[in-house]
Amino acid sequence: MLIETAFVTDRQDALRLINPRFQEKLAHSILSGVKSYFMNTPPPGTWFAYQAAKRMRTADAARQQAPWHGPGARALDILDGSAKN
């Protein structure tokens, strides 16, 4: 995965890159994006895939005990990622 953040040949980019506050913000943004990517498209055999399968099993088990209507059904859809926007 390649993440381009700025160009050191650009004076303004270079100044931002040496700013600790910018570095912190950039690090948090990269972490958030990478985590979101792997949670939405978990590669097989990874921790992310294991967690996705675990969420599906939990939601499926809860569905067997919950009614198919009401706010609980929406919560279960959100839990397993099948909620429609």
N, C-alpha and C. Protein backbone atom coordinates (compact mmCIF):
# COMPACT_ATOMS: atom_id res chain seq x y z
N MET A 1 0.85 -1.16 0.00
CA MET A 1 0.00 0.00 0.00
C MET A 1 0.90 1.23 0.00
N LEU A 2 0.63 2.12 -0.91
CA LEU A 2 1.38 3.37 -1.00
C LEU A 2 0.49 4.52 -0.56
N ILE A 3 0.99 5.31 0.36
CA ILE A 3 0.25 6.49 0.83
C ILE A 3 1.14 7.70 0.61
N GLU A 4 0.72 8.55 -0.30
CA GLU A 4 1.46 9.78 -0.56
C GLU A 4 0.86 10.89 0.29
N THR A 5 1.70 11.57 1.04
CA THR A 5 1.20 12.58 1.97
C THR A 5 1.51 14.01 1.55
N ALA A 6 2.68 14.21 0.96
CA ALA A 6 3.10 15.55 0.57
C ALA A 6 4.35 15.43 -0.28
N PHE A 7 4.77 16.54 -0.84
CA PHE A 7 5.98 16.57 -1.65
C PHE A 7 7.04 17.39 -0.93
N VAL A 8 8.17 16.77 -0.63
CA VAL A 8 9.23 17.49 0.07
C VAL A 8 9.85 18.56 -0.82
N THR A 9 9.64 18.45 -2.13
CA THR A 9 10.17 19.46 -3.05
C THR A 9 9.31 20.72 -3.07
N ASP A 10 8.10 20.63 -2.52
CA ASP A 10 7.22 21.81 -2.41
C ASP A 10 7.49 22.46 -1.05
N ARG A 11 7.85 23.72 -1.06
CA ARG A 11 8.25 24.41 0.19
C ARG A 11 7.16 24.35 1.26
N GLN A 12 5.91 24.63 0.90
CA GLN A 12 4.83 24.60 1.89
C GLN A 12 4.60 23.19 2.44
N ASP A 13 4.64 22.19 1.56
CA ASP A 13 4.50 20.81 2.02
C ASP A 13 5.64 20.44 2.97
N ALA A 14 6.85 20.83 2.61
CA ALA A 14 8.01 20.51 3.44
C ALA A 14 7.88 21.14 4.82
N LEU A 15 7.40 22.38 4.88
CA LEU A 15 7.21 23.04 6.17
C LEU A 15 6.14 22.33 7.00
N ARG A 16 5.08 21.88 6.35
CA ARG A 16 4.03 21.15 7.08
C ARG A 16 4.57 19.83 7.62
N LEU A 17 5.38 19.15 6.82
CA LEU A 17 5.89 17.84 7.22
C LEU A 17 6.80 17.89 8.44
N ILE A 18 7.41 19.02 8.72
CA ILE A 18 8.28 19.11 9.91
C ILE A 18 7.52 19.62 11.13
N ASN A 19 6.25 19.94 10.96
CA ASN A 19 5.42 20.44 12.06
C ASN A 19 4.86 19.25 12.85
N PRO A 20 5.20 19.13 14.15
CA PRO A 20 4.73 18.00 14.96
C PRO A 20 3.20 17.86 15.00
N ARG A 21 2.48 18.97 15.02
CA ARG A 21 1.00 18.89 15.04
C ARG A 21 0.48 18.32 13.73
N PHE A 22 1.09 18.72 12.62
CA PHE A 22 0.69 18.18 11.31
C PHE A 22 1.03 16.69 11.24
N GLN A 23 2.19 16.31 11.75
CA GLN A 23 2.60 14.90 11.75
C GLN A 23 1.60 14.05 12.54
N GLU A 24 1.17 14.56 13.69
CA GLU A 24 0.20 13.84 14.53
C GLU A 24 -1.13 13.68 13.79
N LYS A 25 -1.60 14.77 13.21
CA LYS A 25 -2.86 14.73 12.47
C LYS A 25 -2.76 13.77 11.28
N LEU A 26 -1.65 13.82 10.59
CA LEU A 26 -1.42 12.95 9.44
C LEU A 26 -1.40 11.48 9.87
N ALA A 27 -0.71 11.20 10.97
CA ALA A 27 -0.64 9.82 11.47
C ALA A 27 -2.02 9.29 11.83
N HIS A 28 -2.82 10.10 12.51
CA HIS A 28 -4.17 9.68 12.87
C HIS A 28 -5.04 9.46 11.63
N SER A 29 -4.89 10.32 10.65
CA SER A 29 -5.67 10.18 9.42
C SER A 29 -5.29 8.92 8.66
N ILE A 30 -4.00 8.63 8.59
CA ILE A 30 -3.54 7.42 7.91
C ILE A 30 -4.05 6.19 8.64
N LEU A 31 -3.92 6.16 9.96
CA LEU A 31 -4.41 5.03 10.74
C LEU A 31 -5.90 4.82 10.52
N SER A 32 -6.66 5.88 10.56
CA SER A 32 -8.11 5.79 10.37
C SER A 32 -8.45 5.23 8.99
N GLY A 33 -7.78 5.72 7.97
CA GLY A 33 -8.04 5.26 6.61
C GLY A 33 -7.66 3.81 6.39
N VAL A 34 -6.49 3.41 6.87
CA VAL A 34 -6.04 2.03 6.70
C VAL A 34 -6.94 1.08 7.48
N LYS A 35 -7.29 1.45 8.70
CA LYS A 35 -8.18 0.61 9.51
C LYS A 35 -9.54 0.46 8.83
N SER A 36 -10.08 1.55 8.33
CA SER A 36 -11.37 1.51 7.65
C SER A 36 -11.30 0.62 6.41
N TYR A 37 -10.22 0.73 5.65
CA TYR A 37 -10.05 -0.09 4.45
C TYR A 37 -10.06 -1.57 4.80
N PHE A 38 -9.27 -1.97 5.79
CA PHE A 38 -9.18 -3.38 6.14
C PHE A 38 -10.45 -3.90 6.82
N MET A 39 -11.16 -3.03 7.52
CA MET A 39 -12.42 -3.47 8.12
C MET A 39 -13.49 -3.69 7.05
N ASN A 40 -13.46 -2.88 5.99
CA ASN A 40 -14.45 -3.01 4.92
C ASN A 40 -14.09 -4.09 3.90
N THR A 41 -12.81 -4.38 3.75
CA THR A 41 -12.36 -5.41 2.81
C THR A 41 -11.29 -6.27 3.48
N PRO A 42 -11.69 -7.08 4.47
CA PRO A 42 -10.69 -7.85 5.22
C PRO A 42 -10.07 -8.96 4.38
N PRO A 43 -8.75 -8.98 4.25
CA PRO A 43 -8.09 -10.06 3.52
C PRO A 43 -8.26 -11.38 4.28
N PRO A 44 -8.51 -12.48 3.56
CA PRO A 44 -8.69 -13.78 4.21
C PRO A 44 -7.49 -14.13 5.09
N GLY A 45 -7.78 -14.73 6.23
CA GLY A 45 -6.73 -15.19 7.13
C GLY A 45 -6.15 -14.13 8.04
N THR A 46 -6.71 -12.92 8.00
CA THR A 46 -6.19 -11.85 8.85
C THR A 46 -7.07 -11.66 10.08
N TRP A 47 -6.57 -10.89 11.03
CA TRP A 47 -7.34 -10.55 12.22
C TRP A 47 -8.64 -9.86 11.82
N PHE A 48 -8.59 -9.01 10.80
CA PHE A 48 -9.78 -8.29 10.35
C PHE A 48 -10.83 -9.27 9.83
N ALA A 49 -10.41 -10.29 9.09
CA ALA A 49 -11.35 -11.30 8.59
C ALA A 49 -11.96 -12.08 9.76
N TYR A 50 -11.14 -12.41 10.74
CA TYR A 50 -11.63 -13.12 11.92
C TYR A 50 -12.69 -12.29 12.65
N GLN A 51 -12.41 -11.00 12.84
CA GLN A 51 -13.36 -10.13 13.53
C GLN A 51 -14.66 -9.98 12.75
N ALA A 52 -14.59 -9.90 11.42
CA ALA A 52 -15.79 -9.79 10.59
C ALA A 52 -16.63 -11.05 10.72
N ALA A 53 -15.99 -12.22 10.70
CA ALA A 53 -16.72 -13.49 10.84
C ALA A 53 -17.35 -13.58 12.23
N LYS A 54 -16.64 -13.11 13.23
CA LYS A 54 -17.16 -13.13 14.61
C LYS A 54 -18.39 -12.23 14.73
N ARG A 55 -18.35 -11.04 14.10
CA ARG A 55 -19.52 -10.15 14.12
C ARG A 55 -20.71 -10.80 13.43
N MET A 56 -20.47 -11.49 12.33
CA MET A 56 -21.55 -12.16 11.60
C MET A 56 -22.17 -13.26 12.47
N ARG A 57 -21.33 -14.05 13.14
CA ARG A 57 -21.86 -15.12 14.00
C ARG A 57 -22.67 -14.53 15.15
N THR A 58 -22.19 -13.45 15.74
CA THR A 58 -22.91 -12.81 16.84
C THR A 58 -24.25 -12.28 16.37
N ALA A 59 -24.27 -11.61 15.23
CA ALA A 59 -25.52 -11.06 14.70
C ALA A 59 -26.49 -12.18 14.32
N ASP A 60 -25.97 -13.25 13.71
CA ASP A 60 -26.84 -14.37 13.33
C ASP A 60 -27.46 -15.02 14.55
N ALA A 61 -26.67 -15.20 15.61
CA ALA A 61 -27.20 -15.80 16.83
C ALA A 61 -28.26 -14.90 17.46
N ALA A 62 -28.03 -13.61 17.46
CA ALA A 62 -29.00 -12.67 18.03
C ALA A 62 -30.28 -12.64 17.19
N ARG A 63 -30.15 -12.75 15.88
CA ARG A 63 -31.34 -12.76 15.00
C ARG A 63 -32.25 -13.94 15.30
N GLN A 64 -31.64 -15.06 15.66
CA GLN A 64 -32.44 -16.26 15.95
C GLN A 64 -33.29 -16.07 17.19
N GLN A 65 -32.88 -15.15 18.06
CA GLN A 65 -33.61 -14.92 19.30
C GLN A 65 -34.42 -13.63 19.28
N ALA A 66 -34.25 -12.79 18.25
CA ALA A 66 -34.90 -11.48 18.22
C ALA A 66 -35.99 -11.45 17.14
N PRO A 67 -37.00 -10.61 17.32
CA PRO A 67 -38.01 -10.46 16.28
C PRO A 67 -37.41 -9.76 15.06
N TRP A 68 -38.02 -9.94 13.90
CA TRP A 68 -37.52 -9.37 12.65
C TRP A 68 -38.02 -7.96 12.41
N HIS A 69 -38.55 -7.32 13.38
CA HIS A 69 -39.07 -5.98 13.20
C HIS A 69 -38.61 -5.09 14.35
N GLY A 70 -38.84 -3.82 14.21
CA GLY A 70 -38.49 -2.88 15.28
C GLY A 70 -37.05 -2.45 15.21
N PRO A 71 -36.66 -1.61 16.16
CA PRO A 71 -35.31 -1.05 16.13
C PRO A 71 -34.22 -2.10 16.33
N GLY A 72 -34.56 -3.21 16.96
CA GLY A 72 -33.56 -4.26 17.18
C GLY A 72 -33.05 -4.86 15.89
N ALA A 73 -33.93 -5.00 14.89
CA ALA A 73 -33.52 -5.56 13.61
C ALA A 73 -32.50 -4.65 12.93
N ARG A 74 -32.71 -3.36 12.99
CA ARG A 74 -31.76 -2.39 12.41
C ARG A 74 -30.41 -2.49 13.12
N ALA A 75 -30.44 -2.61 14.43
CA ALA A 75 -29.19 -2.72 15.19
C ALA A 75 -28.42 -3.97 14.78
N LEU A 76 -29.12 -5.06 14.55
CA LEU A 76 -28.45 -6.29 14.13
C LEU A 76 -27.85 -6.13 12.73
N ASP A 77 -28.57 -5.44 11.85
CA ASP A 77 -28.03 -5.19 10.52
C ASP A 77 -26.76 -4.35 10.59
N ILE A 78 -26.75 -3.37 11.47
CA ILE A 78 -25.56 -2.53 11.64
C ILE A 78 -24.42 -3.36 12.20
N LEU A 79 -24.72 -4.23 13.14
CA LEU A 79 -23.70 -5.06 13.78
C LEU A 79 -22.97 -5.94 12.76
N ASP A 80 -23.73 -6.55 11.86
CA ASP A 80 -23.07 -7.45 10.90
C ASP A 80 -22.69 -6.77 9.59
N GLY A 81 -22.96 -5.47 9.48
CA GLY A 81 -22.54 -4.72 8.30
C GLY A 81 -23.49 -4.81 7.13
N SER A 82 -24.69 -5.38 7.32
CA SER A 82 -25.62 -5.51 6.20
C SER A 82 -26.63 -4.38 6.14
N ALA A 83 -26.48 -3.37 6.99
CA ALA A 83 -27.42 -2.24 7.01
C ALA A 83 -27.34 -1.47 5.70
N LYS A 84 -28.48 -1.09 5.20
CA LYS A 84 -28.56 -0.26 3.99
C LYS A 84 -28.66 1.19 4.42
N ASN A 85 -27.93 2.07 3.75
CA ASN A 85 -27.96 3.50 4.11
C ASN A 85 -29.24 4.14 3.71
